[in-house]
């Protein structure tokens, strides 16, 4: 039995107000000349034809559809089509808070927002623009207007955002949102790598470790997502398993690109120009014959993850669905950023960087007392805490301690030399913006400290910040990291790890210019909130 195609996605534009690193090839895309794009009247003509033939849901995509000037007029006209039950939009959310009341008035039924990170710094790194708070404001405004659920599309990529899975699920506790985790997929120009794909089963297993009572929800026949819900939460979560468990047999979707081409499969490279047929003066019956023939050639399933990664196809931004239409996404991540945390131990060894507290440093008895190095009394009282009575390594039991607000700061210095320092200062390094990448790497590393340092306790960080400063006289970069938590143990190791990994990232970004780079002075600056506070006397250091 032939599948009824009742769902049409129409791309309104190839343009976007973000510059997402996952959505376009590294060299960018050449936009179609305006005269070759569908006009508004052509778009509405095709919509009317598809609705007449049984399409009852239309989703407006891009690029970014909400930057099209007449998007409200298009929705208003679509709302008049008899038989069209649902009008939806997929957006990056930047303009959503401003436009959502008008979208509601025009007749928009559903909203999907593309969001791959809940960390503002990581969001800005991915999209190359600011706007995280605008997106969150847009989601909240849509909820306020009664959209339920607001769908949030998140492409999960190993080494970038798989550590945020639980944070996204937690978002559904209070907000009536449906977070949809999408398996990372190949498209032209995104240099798909199987190792970066996090499978649906792996994601589900990780979430069930935190919420073992996760419930399975019954999905509609043509729904692409496998749906789940944490009991008592307002929202729900779904998984779009395009790679590990395709749903081609139930696919009811067709796509029209902004330049008027019909794509019957997201992964297929065959297209039919409905624009050219329209402009040739063909009758509606002739147009329907061409559409019917294209749909009839639709294969039962796509070629599989490894085969489609080798196929020539449009970049996602030009397909019509933007980054969230089963989005693909390889970040043009400079250097070893994506693998940095997993390889931190070997990286440290390769670069001869030692992570340690100065043996001469002592802890001050109060917050107001600065640390003075080399005090005999402090040295005599010093005692290792991570060993048992027999001298074997042991994790400290902090169960009996009170949870307090704790803060720690640490720093590291990278001595670059003249050539590397000049290129970094002028942001001319071949690998990209070293300062931005190092800042984000340090923040990510602070959250992975317990996984890297065997006897560290896993801590929920209230805040992590990394700042990089250029030291012109020394041709150096000075990294400062600050971490905060409310817990039973301190965050000095988190701060030290953040500073050290940020310094290693600067090294990695600059090593093509010179290997004569020295990472030095990885040290704790201060820690507060525990039994003994510490403040380094900066007058006795560089």
Protein backbone atom coordinates (compact mmCIF):
# COMPACT_ATOMS: atom_id res chain seq x y z
CA UNK A 1 0.00 0.00 0.00
CA UNK A 2 1.39 3.39 -0.99
CA UNK A 3 1.99 5.75 1.92
CA UNK A 4 -0.29 8.78 1.99
CA UNK A 5 1.84 11.92 1.88
CA UNK A 6 -0.08 14.40 4.01
CA UNK A 7 2.77 16.57 5.30
CA UNK A 8 4.51 19.24 3.18
CA UNK A 9 7.54 21.27 4.24
CA UNK A 10 8.06 24.53 2.34
CA UNK A 11 11.29 26.50 2.60
CA UNK A 12 10.56 30.23 2.59
CA UNK A 13 14.17 31.39 2.23
CA UNK A 14 17.76 30.21 2.04
CA UNK A 15 18.91 33.13 4.19
CA UNK A 16 19.48 33.01 7.92
CA UNK A 17 20.32 35.51 10.66
CA UNK A 18 22.70 33.03 12.32
CA UNK A 19 25.89 31.50 10.95
CA UNK A 20 25.69 28.03 12.46
CA UNK A 21 28.85 26.02 11.95
CA UNK A 22 26.85 22.80 11.51
CA UNK A 23 24.38 24.03 8.90
CA UNK A 24 26.65 25.09 6.06
CA UNK A 25 29.78 23.68 4.42
CA UNK A 26 33.01 25.15 5.72
CA UNK A 27 33.37 27.40 2.68
CA UNK A 28 29.77 28.66 2.96
CA UNK A 29 26.99 28.37 0.38
CA UNK A 30 26.13 30.29 -2.74
CA UNK A 31 22.61 31.67 -2.41
CA UNK A 32 20.19 31.28 -5.30
CA UNK A 33 19.51 34.55 -7.20
CA UNK A 34 16.24 36.13 -6.08
CA UNK A 35 14.57 35.70 -9.46
CA UNK A 36 15.07 31.93 -9.26
CA UNK A 37 13.32 31.62 -5.91
CA UNK A 38 9.62 30.90 -5.63
CA UNK A 39 7.51 34.04 -5.51
CA UNK A 40 4.80 34.32 -2.89
CA UNK A 41 2.07 33.66 -5.43
CA UNK A 42 3.92 30.60 -6.80
CA UNK A 43 4.40 29.26 -3.30
CA UNK A 44 0.71 29.66 -2.46
CA UNK A 45 -0.30 28.08 -5.79
CA UNK A 46 1.73 24.97 -4.96
CA UNK A 47 0.38 24.90 -1.40
CA UNK A 48 -3.21 25.02 -2.67
CA UNK A 49 -2.49 22.19 -5.10
CA UNK A 50 -0.93 19.92 -2.46
CA UNK A 51 -3.72 20.60 0.05
CA UNK A 52 -6.31 19.78 -2.58
CA UNK A 53 -4.57 16.43 -3.10
CA UNK A 54 -4.61 15.48 0.59
CA UNK A 55 -1.88 17.40 2.38
CA UNK A 56 -3.31 18.52 5.74
CA UNK A 57 -0.13 19.82 7.42
CA UNK A 58 2.33 22.42 6.11
CA UNK A 59 5.53 23.37 7.90
CA UNK A 60 7.36 26.59 6.95
CA UNK A 61 11.12 26.26 7.14
CA UNK A 62 14.28 27.94 5.85
CA UNK A 63 17.01 29.11 6.22
CA UNK A 64 15.24 31.07 8.89
CA UNK A 65 11.59 31.50 7.86
CA UNK A 66 10.83 34.32 10.31
CA UNK A 67 13.19 36.71 8.51
CA UNK A 68 11.02 36.58 5.37
CA UNK A 69 9.16 39.94 5.31
CA UNK A 70 5.80 38.48 4.23
CA UNK A 71 5.80 35.40 6.48
CA UNK A 72 2.68 36.64 8.32
CA UNK A 73 0.85 37.20 5.01
CA UNK A 74 1.79 33.70 3.85
CA UNK A 75 0.42 32.13 7.06
CA UNK A 76 -2.77 34.20 6.77
CA UNK A 77 -3.34 32.96 3.21
CA UNK A 78 -2.53 29.34 4.09
CA UNK A 79 -5.07 29.52 6.92
CA UNK A 80 -7.78 30.08 4.30
CA UNK A 81 -7.10 26.72 2.58
CA UNK A 82 -9.95 24.29 3.17
CA UNK A 83 -8.62 20.95 4.38
CA UNK A 84 -5.39 22.31 5.84
CA UNK A 85 -5.51 21.35 9.52
CA UNK A 86 -2.06 22.39 10.77
CA UNK A 87 0.38 25.19 9.97
CA UNK A 88 3.75 24.88 11.69
CA UNK A 89 7.05 26.72 11.63
CA UNK A 90 10.62 25.68 12.42
CA UNK A 91 12.71 28.61 13.64
CA UNK A 92 16.01 29.38 15.31
CA UNK A 93 14.00 31.46 17.79
CA UNK A 94 15.90 34.73 17.46
CA UNK A 95 12.80 36.68 16.30
CA UNK A 96 10.24 34.48 18.03
CA UNK A 97 9.49 36.62 21.09
CA UNK A 98 8.82 39.67 18.93
CA UNK A 99 6.72 37.89 16.28
CA UNK A 100 4.91 35.15 18.22
CA UNK A 101 1.78 37.22 19.06
CA UNK A 102 1.36 38.13 15.37
CA UNK A 103 2.08 34.53 14.32
CA UNK A 104 -0.66 33.39 16.68
CA UNK A 105 -3.10 35.92 15.26
CA UNK A 106 -2.24 34.87 11.67
CA UNK A 107 -3.17 31.27 12.47
CA UNK A 108 0.08 29.47 13.26
CA UNK A 109 -0.60 26.19 15.10
CA UNK A 110 2.78 24.69 16.01
CA UNK A 111 6.28 25.99 16.75
CA UNK A 112 9.58 24.09 16.64
CA UNK A 113 12.69 25.86 17.94
CA UNK A 114 16.20 24.72 17.04
CA UNK A 115 18.46 24.75 20.11
CA UNK A 116 21.60 22.63 20.52
CA UNK A 117 22.93 23.97 23.81
CA UNK A 118 21.66 25.45 27.06
CA UNK A 119 25.09 26.98 27.77
CA UNK A 120 25.17 30.58 26.45
CA UNK A 121 28.90 30.49 25.61
CA UNK A 122 28.56 27.20 23.75
CA UNK A 123 25.45 28.48 21.93
CA UNK A 124 27.38 31.53 20.72
CA UNK A 125 30.29 29.35 19.63
CA UNK A 126 28.00 27.13 17.56
CA UNK A 127 25.99 29.88 15.85
CA UNK A 128 28.75 32.54 15.67
CA UNK A 129 26.30 35.10 16.99
CA UNK A 130 24.83 36.20 20.31
CA UNK A 131 21.16 35.50 20.97
CA UNK A 132 20.79 32.65 23.47
CA UNK A 133 18.61 34.73 25.80
CA UNK A 134 16.43 35.83 22.86
CA UNK A 135 15.79 32.20 22.00
CA UNK A 136 14.84 31.31 25.57
CA UNK A 137 12.63 34.40 25.75
CA UNK A 138 10.94 33.29 22.52
CA UNK A 139 10.26 29.82 23.92
CA UNK A 140 8.74 31.29 27.09
CA UNK A 141 6.62 33.74 25.07
CA UNK A 142 5.27 30.93 22.88
CA UNK A 143 4.35 28.95 26.00
CA UNK A 144 2.65 32.04 27.43
CA UNK A 145 0.57 32.35 24.25
CA UNK A 146 -0.69 28.78 24.67
CA UNK A 147 1.52 26.75 22.32
CA UNK A 148 1.64 23.33 23.97
CA UNK A 149 3.99 21.74 23.49
CA UNK A 150 6.67 24.01 22.10
CA UNK A 151 9.04 21.58 20.42
CA UNK A 152 12.79 22.02 20.91
CA UNK A 153 14.98 20.28 18.34
CA UNK A 154 18.46 19.33 19.56
CA UNK A 155 21.02 17.54 17.39
CA UNK A 156 23.23 15.51 19.73
CA UNK A 157 26.94 15.45 18.86
CA UNK A 158 29.60 13.55 20.72
CA UNK A 159 32.28 15.83 22.11
CA UNK A 160 30.05 18.88 21.96
CA UNK A 161 26.69 18.65 23.69
CA UNK A 162 25.97 15.06 24.72
CA UNK A 163 26.88 16.16 28.26
CA UNK A 164 23.74 18.33 28.24
CA UNK A 165 21.23 15.50 27.70
CA UNK A 166 20.05 15.54 31.32
CA UNK A 167 19.85 19.34 31.35
CA UNK A 168 17.53 19.27 28.33
CA UNK A 169 15.34 16.60 29.94
CA UNK A 170 15.22 18.67 33.15
CA UNK A 171 13.85 21.54 31.05
CA UNK A 172 10.64 19.50 30.63
CA UNK A 173 10.00 19.42 34.39
CA UNK A 174 8.43 22.88 34.61
CA UNK A 175 7.98 23.88 30.97
CA UNK A 176 5.40 22.27 28.63
CA UNK A 177 8.03 21.60 25.97
CA UNK A 178 8.85 18.56 23.89
CA UNK A 179 12.60 18.16 23.59
CA UNK A 180 13.44 16.13 20.49
CA UNK A 181 16.94 14.62 20.44
CA UNK A 182 18.06 14.12 16.84
CA UNK A 183 20.76 11.70 15.76
CA UNK A 184 23.52 13.55 13.96
CA UNK A 185 23.36 12.92 10.21
CA UNK A 186 25.37 13.46 7.05
CA UNK A 187 24.80 16.23 4.51
CA UNK A 188 26.96 17.81 1.87
CA UNK A 189 29.77 19.86 3.36
CA UNK A 190 29.40 18.84 7.00
CA UNK A 191 32.15 16.18 6.98
CA UNK A 192 29.99 13.60 8.74
CA UNK A 193 31.86 11.34 11.13
CA UNK A 194 30.20 8.23 12.53
CA UNK A 195 32.16 8.62 15.78
CA UNK A 196 30.37 11.91 16.48
CA UNK A 197 26.94 10.28 16.27
CA UNK A 198 25.31 9.47 19.61
CA UNK A 199 22.72 6.76 19.01
CA UNK A 200 19.17 6.84 20.33
CA UNK A 201 19.86 3.81 22.53
CA UNK A 202 22.91 5.41 24.11
CA UNK A 203 20.98 8.60 24.82
CA UNK A 204 18.05 6.66 26.26
CA UNK A 205 20.32 4.58 28.51
CA UNK A 206 22.00 7.69 29.89
CA UNK A 207 18.67 9.39 30.62
CA UNK A 208 17.26 6.25 32.28
CA UNK A 209 20.22 6.15 34.65
CA UNK A 210 18.97 9.46 36.03
CA UNK A 211 15.21 8.80 35.62
CA UNK A 212 14.72 5.00 35.71
CA UNK A 213 10.93 5.43 35.72
CA UNK A 214 10.91 7.11 32.29
CA UNK A 215 7.62 6.21 30.58
CA UNK A 216 7.16 5.24 26.95
CA UNK A 217 4.38 7.16 25.17
CA UNK A 218 2.31 5.91 22.27
CA UNK A 219 3.29 7.72 19.07
CA UNK A 220 1.11 8.32 16.01
CA UNK A 221 1.73 6.11 12.98
CA UNK A 222 3.50 8.79 10.94
CA UNK A 223 5.36 10.36 13.89
CA UNK A 224 9.12 10.38 13.36
CA UNK A 225 9.92 10.57 17.08
CA UNK A 226 9.96 7.87 19.75
CA UNK A 227 8.29 9.57 22.71
CA UNK A 228 8.96 9.36 26.46
CA UNK A 229 8.00 11.25 29.61
CA UNK A 230 9.32 11.54 33.14
CA UNK A 231 6.26 11.00 35.40
CA UNK A 232 5.13 14.29 36.92
CA UNK A 233 7.01 16.47 34.43
CA UNK A 234 5.06 19.04 32.39
CA UNK A 235 6.74 18.22 29.10
CA UNK A 236 8.12 15.20 27.31
CA UNK A 237 11.14 14.03 25.31
CA UNK A 238 11.48 12.34 21.95
CA UNK A 239 14.18 10.76 19.82
CA UNK A 240 14.45 11.07 16.05
CA UNK A 241 16.39 7.98 15.02
CA UNK A 242 17.12 8.67 11.37
CA UNK A 243 20.45 6.84 11.46
CA UNK A 244 20.18 3.95 13.90
CA UNK A 245 16.53 3.04 13.28
CA UNK A 246 15.04 4.67 10.18
CA UNK A 247 11.32 5.36 9.93
CA UNK A 248 11.12 5.50 6.13
CA UNK A 249 8.19 3.07 5.99
CA UNK A 250 5.93 5.53 7.81
CA UNK A 251 7.35 8.73 6.29
CA UNK A 252 4.55 10.98 5.01
CA UNK A 253 6.71 14.03 4.19
CA UNK A 254 7.47 15.93 1.03
CA UNK A 255 9.68 19.01 0.72
CA UNK A 256 9.75 22.05 -1.52
CA UNK A 257 12.98 24.02 -1.50
CA UNK A 258 13.10 27.81 -1.64
CA UNK A 259 14.00 27.64 -5.34
CA UNK A 260 10.96 25.46 -6.05
CA UNK A 261 12.40 21.96 -6.24
CA UNK A 262 10.42 19.00 -4.94
CA UNK A 263 12.39 16.58 -2.76
CA UNK A 264 10.55 13.39 -1.89
CA UNK A 265 13.29 12.27 0.53
CA UNK A 266 15.49 14.38 2.79
CA UNK A 267 18.47 12.14 2.00
CA UNK A 268 17.73 11.66 -1.68
CA UNK A 269 19.67 13.68 -4.24
CA UNK A 270 16.95 13.62 -6.90
CA UNK A 271 14.85 16.78 -7.29
CA UNK A 272 12.15 18.02 -9.65
CA UNK A 273 11.78 21.74 -10.41
CA UNK A 274 8.16 22.67 -9.84
CA UNK A 275 9.14 26.31 -10.36
CA UNK A 276 10.16 25.64 -13.95
CA UNK A 277 6.97 23.67 -14.60
CA UNK A 278 4.88 26.52 -13.17
CA UNK A 279 6.68 29.15 -15.22
CA UNK A 280 6.35 27.10 -18.41
CA UNK A 281 2.58 27.62 -18.26
CA UNK A 282 1.77 23.97 -17.50
CA UNK A 283 -1.76 23.17 -16.37
CA UNK A 284 -2.51 21.93 -12.87
CA UNK A 285 -3.15 18.44 -14.24
CA UNK A 286 0.29 18.40 -15.88
CA UNK A 287 1.85 19.62 -12.64
CA UNK A 288 0.07 16.88 -10.69
CA UNK A 289 1.35 14.23 -13.11
CA UNK A 290 4.94 15.38 -12.59
CA UNK A 291 4.52 15.43 -8.79
CA UNK A 292 2.87 11.99 -8.85
CA UNK A 293 5.71 10.52 -10.89
CA UNK A 294 8.31 11.95 -8.48
CA UNK A 295 6.50 10.59 -5.43
CA UNK A 296 6.09 7.22 -7.15
CA UNK A 297 9.88 6.99 -7.49
CA UNK A 298 10.39 7.46 -3.75
CA UNK A 299 12.41 4.58 -2.35
CA UNK A 300 11.17 2.42 0.52
CA UNK A 301 14.06 3.55 2.72
CA UNK A 302 17.22 5.63 2.57
CA UNK A 303 20.58 4.09 1.75
CA UNK A 304 21.86 3.82 5.31
CA UNK A 305 24.14 6.03 7.38
CA UNK A 306 27.42 5.04 5.75
CA UNK A 307 26.13 5.16 2.19
CA UNK A 308 24.37 8.50 2.46
CA UNK A 309 27.48 10.04 3.99
CA UNK A 310 29.13 9.47 0.59
CA UNK A 311 26.22 10.78 -1.50
CA UNK A 312 26.15 14.22 -3.09
CA UNK A 313 23.26 16.25 -1.71
CA UNK A 314 22.47 19.86 -0.89
CA UNK A 315 23.81 21.41 2.30
CA UNK A 316 21.02 21.42 4.90
CA UNK A 317 20.56 25.20 4.77
CA UNK A 318 19.51 24.88 1.10
CA UNK A 319 17.25 21.84 1.47
CA UNK A 320 14.43 23.56 3.29
CA UNK A 321 14.13 22.62 6.88
CA UNK A 322 16.90 24.60 8.38
CA UNK A 323 19.05 23.00 10.97
CA UNK A 324 16.19 21.18 12.66
CA UNK A 325 14.64 19.21 9.80
CA UNK A 326 16.45 16.11 10.98
CA UNK A 327 19.44 18.37 11.11
CA UNK A 328 22.99 17.38 10.39
CA UNK A 329 25.87 19.05 12.03
CA UNK A 330 29.58 18.74 11.98
CA UNK A 331 31.07 21.72 13.71
CA UNK A 332 34.02 23.30 12.03
CA UNK A 333 35.65 22.96 15.40
CA UNK A 334 39.23 24.19 15.30
CA UNK A 335 41.97 22.01 16.70
CA UNK A 336 41.34 19.19 19.11
CA UNK A 337 38.33 20.84 20.76
CA UNK A 338 35.88 18.00 20.20
CA UNK A 339 38.28 15.34 21.51
CA UNK A 340 40.07 17.52 24.03
CA UNK A 341 38.33 16.30 27.14
CA UNK A 342 38.63 12.61 26.31
CA UNK A 343 42.35 12.98 25.58
CA UNK A 344 43.25 15.42 28.33
CA UNK A 345 45.57 13.04 30.15
CA UNK A 346 47.60 12.08 27.07
CA UNK A 347 47.58 15.69 25.87
CA UNK A 348 49.03 16.85 29.15
CA UNK A 349 51.79 14.26 28.88
CA UNK A 350 52.63 15.23 25.29
CA UNK A 351 53.02 18.86 26.24
CA UNK A 352 54.93 18.19 29.49
CA UNK A 353 52.43 20.11 31.60
CA UNK A 354 52.21 19.20 35.26
CA UNK A 355 49.04 19.79 37.23
CA UNK A 356 49.92 20.48 40.86
CA UNK A 357 49.64 22.79 43.83
CA UNK A 358 52.92 24.35 44.88
CA UNK A 359 54.32 22.31 47.77
CA UNK A 360 55.30 25.61 49.40
CA UNK A 361 51.75 26.93 49.46
CA UNK A 362 49.83 26.74 52.69
CA UNK A 363 46.26 27.39 53.66
CA UNK A 364 45.40 30.59 55.47
CA UNK A 365 43.27 30.28 58.61
CA UNK A 366 40.73 32.88 57.48
CA UNK A 367 39.41 34.64 54.40
CA UNK A 368 41.12 37.85 55.39
CA UNK A 369 44.59 36.35 55.72
CA UNK A 370 46.76 36.12 52.61
CA UNK A 371 48.79 32.99 51.99
CA UNK A 372 52.45 33.27 52.90
CA UNK A 373 54.59 30.57 51.33
CA UNK A 374 57.07 28.43 53.17
CA UNK A 375 55.67 28.68 56.69
CA UNK A 376 57.17 25.90 58.84
CA UNK A 377 54.06 25.52 61.00
CA UNK A 378 51.85 24.93 57.99
CA UNK A 379 54.32 22.47 56.50
CA UNK A 380 54.43 20.52 59.74
CA UNK A 381 50.64 20.31 59.87
CA UNK A 382 50.26 19.26 56.23
CA UNK A 383 48.65 15.88 55.67
CA UNK A 384 47.61 14.09 52.50
CA UNK A 385 43.88 13.46 52.44
CA UNK A 386 43.60 11.10 49.45
CA UNK A 387 45.41 8.18 51.10
CA UNK A 388 44.27 5.60 53.63
CA UNK A 389 46.18 4.44 56.70
CA UNK A 390 48.32 2.14 54.54
CA UNK A 391 49.19 4.94 52.10
CA UNK A 392 46.95 3.67 49.30
CA UNK A 393 44.88 6.04 47.14
CA UNK A 394 41.41 6.58 48.52
CA UNK A 395 38.51 8.94 47.81
CA UNK A 396 37.70 11.28 50.69
CA UNK A 397 34.33 10.65 52.36
CA UNK A 398 32.58 14.03 52.44
CA UNK A 399 29.19 12.67 53.52
CA UNK A 400 29.41 14.24 56.95
CA UNK A 401 30.32 17.73 55.74
CA UNK A 402 27.85 20.58 55.46
CA UNK A 403 27.00 21.90 52.01
CA UNK A 404 28.26 25.46 51.68
CA UNK A 405 28.80 27.99 48.89
CA UNK A 406 32.32 27.42 47.59
CA UNK A 407 34.40 29.32 45.04
CA UNK A 408 37.85 28.77 43.55
CA UNK A 409 40.00 30.60 41.03
CA UNK A 410 43.05 29.36 39.16
CA UNK A 411 45.29 30.60 36.39
CA UNK A 412 47.74 29.41 33.74
CA UNK A 413 50.10 31.23 31.38
CA UNK A 414 50.93 30.31 27.78
CA UNK A 415 54.19 31.80 26.47
CA UNK A 416 53.71 31.93 22.70
CA UNK A 417 56.62 33.74 21.10
CA UNK A 418 56.35 36.61 18.61
CA UNK A 419 54.85 34.90 15.54
CA UNK A 420 52.10 32.91 17.28
CA UNK A 421 51.26 35.81 19.60
CA UNK A 422 50.82 38.20 16.67
CA UNK A 423 48.57 35.82 14.73
CA UNK A 424 46.47 35.09 17.83
CA UNK A 425 46.17 38.78 18.72
CA UNK A 426 45.01 39.59 15.18
CA UNK A 427 42.75 36.50 15.03
CA UNK A 428 44.57 35.25 11.95
CA UNK A 429 45.31 31.67 13.05
CA UNK A 430 44.42 29.09 10.42
CA UNK A 431 42.36 27.07 12.90
CA UNK A 432 40.14 30.00 13.90
CA UNK A 433 39.46 32.08 16.98
CA UNK A 434 41.78 30.55 19.58
CA UNK A 435 40.55 32.73 22.44
CA UNK A 436 36.89 31.77 21.94
CA UNK A 437 37.63 28.07 21.53
CA UNK A 438 39.94 28.00 24.57
CA UNK A 439 37.34 29.78 26.70
CA UNK A 440 34.66 27.24 25.81
CA UNK A 441 37.07 24.29 26.21
CA UNK A 442 37.95 25.47 29.71
CA UNK A 443 34.30 25.73 30.73
CA UNK A 444 33.57 22.27 29.35
CA UNK A 445 36.65 20.84 31.08
CA UNK A 446 35.57 22.18 34.47
CA UNK A 447 32.39 20.11 34.17
CA UNK A 448 34.41 16.96 33.35
CA UNK A 449 36.92 17.20 36.18
CA UNK A 450 35.64 14.18 38.10
CA UNK A 451 35.92 12.08 34.92
CA UNK A 452 39.54 13.18 34.39
CA UNK A 453 40.93 13.24 37.95
CA UNK A 454 40.20 9.82 39.53
CA UNK A 455 39.63 10.84 43.16
CA UNK A 456 37.69 14.05 42.56
CA UNK A 457 34.04 14.17 43.57
CA UNK A 458 31.50 14.93 40.83
CA UNK A 459 30.11 18.38 41.59
CA UNK A 460 27.13 20.32 40.21
CA UNK A 461 28.67 23.66 39.24
CA UNK A 462 26.60 26.76 39.92
CA UNK A 463 28.87 28.74 37.62
CA UNK A 464 32.06 28.39 35.60
CA UNK A 465 33.87 31.24 33.87
CA UNK A 466 37.10 31.37 31.89
CA UNK A 467 38.79 34.62 30.85
CA UNK A 468 41.84 35.04 28.61
CA UNK A 469 44.06 38.11 28.67
CA UNK A 470 46.86 39.03 26.28
CA UNK A 471 50.15 39.91 27.97
CA UNK A 472 51.94 41.96 25.30
CA UNK A 473 55.38 42.33 26.99
CA UNK A 474 55.71 38.58 27.53
CA UNK A 475 53.90 37.63 24.30
CA UNK A 476 51.70 35.42 26.40
CA UNK A 477 48.09 34.53 27.10
CA UNK A 478 47.05 34.51 30.76
CA UNK A 479 44.09 32.25 31.51
CA UNK A 480 41.97 32.78 34.63
CA UNK A 481 39.22 30.33 35.60
CA UNK A 482 36.64 30.69 38.36
CA UNK A 483 34.19 28.01 39.50
CA UNK A 484 31.38 28.06 42.05
CA UNK A 485 29.35 25.30 43.64
CA UNK A 486 27.08 24.67 46.60
CA UNK A 487 28.38 21.43 48.01
CA UNK A 488 30.36 19.46 50.57
CA UNK A 489 33.75 19.85 48.90
CA UNK A 490 35.59 22.60 47.07
CA UNK A 491 36.05 23.39 43.40
CA UNK A 492 39.77 24.13 43.23
CA UNK A 493 40.37 21.13 40.96
CA UNK A 494 37.57 22.29 38.66
CA UNK A 495 39.18 25.74 38.42
CA UNK A 496 42.66 24.26 37.85
CA UNK A 497 41.35 21.86 35.20
CA UNK A 498 39.53 24.68 33.40
CA UNK A 499 42.65 26.87 33.36
CA UNK A 500 44.92 24.03 32.27
CA UNK A 501 42.67 22.75 29.47
CA UNK A 502 42.09 26.29 28.18
CA UNK A 503 45.89 26.71 28.09
CA UNK A 504 46.28 23.39 26.25
CA UNK A 505 43.70 24.53 23.73
CA UNK A 506 45.66 27.72 23.04
CA UNK A 507 48.71 25.50 22.51
CA UNK A 508 46.81 23.27 20.10
CA UNK A 509 45.47 26.23 18.12
CA UNK A 510 48.95 27.76 17.79
CA UNK A 511 51.21 24.72 17.38
CA UNK A 512 51.10 24.90 13.57
CA UNK A 513 52.98 28.20 13.86
CA UNK A 514 55.50 27.10 16.48
CA UNK A 515 56.12 24.24 18.90
CA UNK A 516 58.30 26.48 21.02
CA UNK A 517 55.34 27.28 23.27
CA UNK A 518 55.55 26.97 27.04
CA UNK A 519 52.62 26.44 29.41
CA UNK A 520 53.60 27.61 32.85
CA UNK A 521 52.28 28.77 36.23
CA UNK A 522 49.24 26.52 36.44
CA UNK A 523 48.27 27.48 39.97
CA UNK A 524 45.45 28.01 42.41
CA UNK A 525 44.75 31.66 43.15
CA UNK A 526 42.08 31.33 45.82
CA UNK A 527 39.44 29.10 47.33
CA UNK A 528 36.69 30.00 49.78
CA UNK A 529 33.78 28.38 51.55
CA UNK A 530 35.47 25.31 53.00
CA UNK A 531 37.13 24.49 56.28
CA UNK A 532 40.25 26.43 55.30
CA UNK A 533 40.24 29.26 52.81
CA UNK A 534 43.22 30.08 50.63
CA UNK A 535 44.38 33.30 49.00
CA UNK A 536 47.63 33.45 47.12
CA UNK A 537 49.79 36.47 47.91
CA UNK A 538 50.04 37.91 44.41
CA UNK A 539 52.74 40.35 45.48
CA UNK A 540 55.13 37.40 45.74
CA UNK A 541 54.29 35.93 42.34
CA UNK A 542 54.35 36.93 38.72
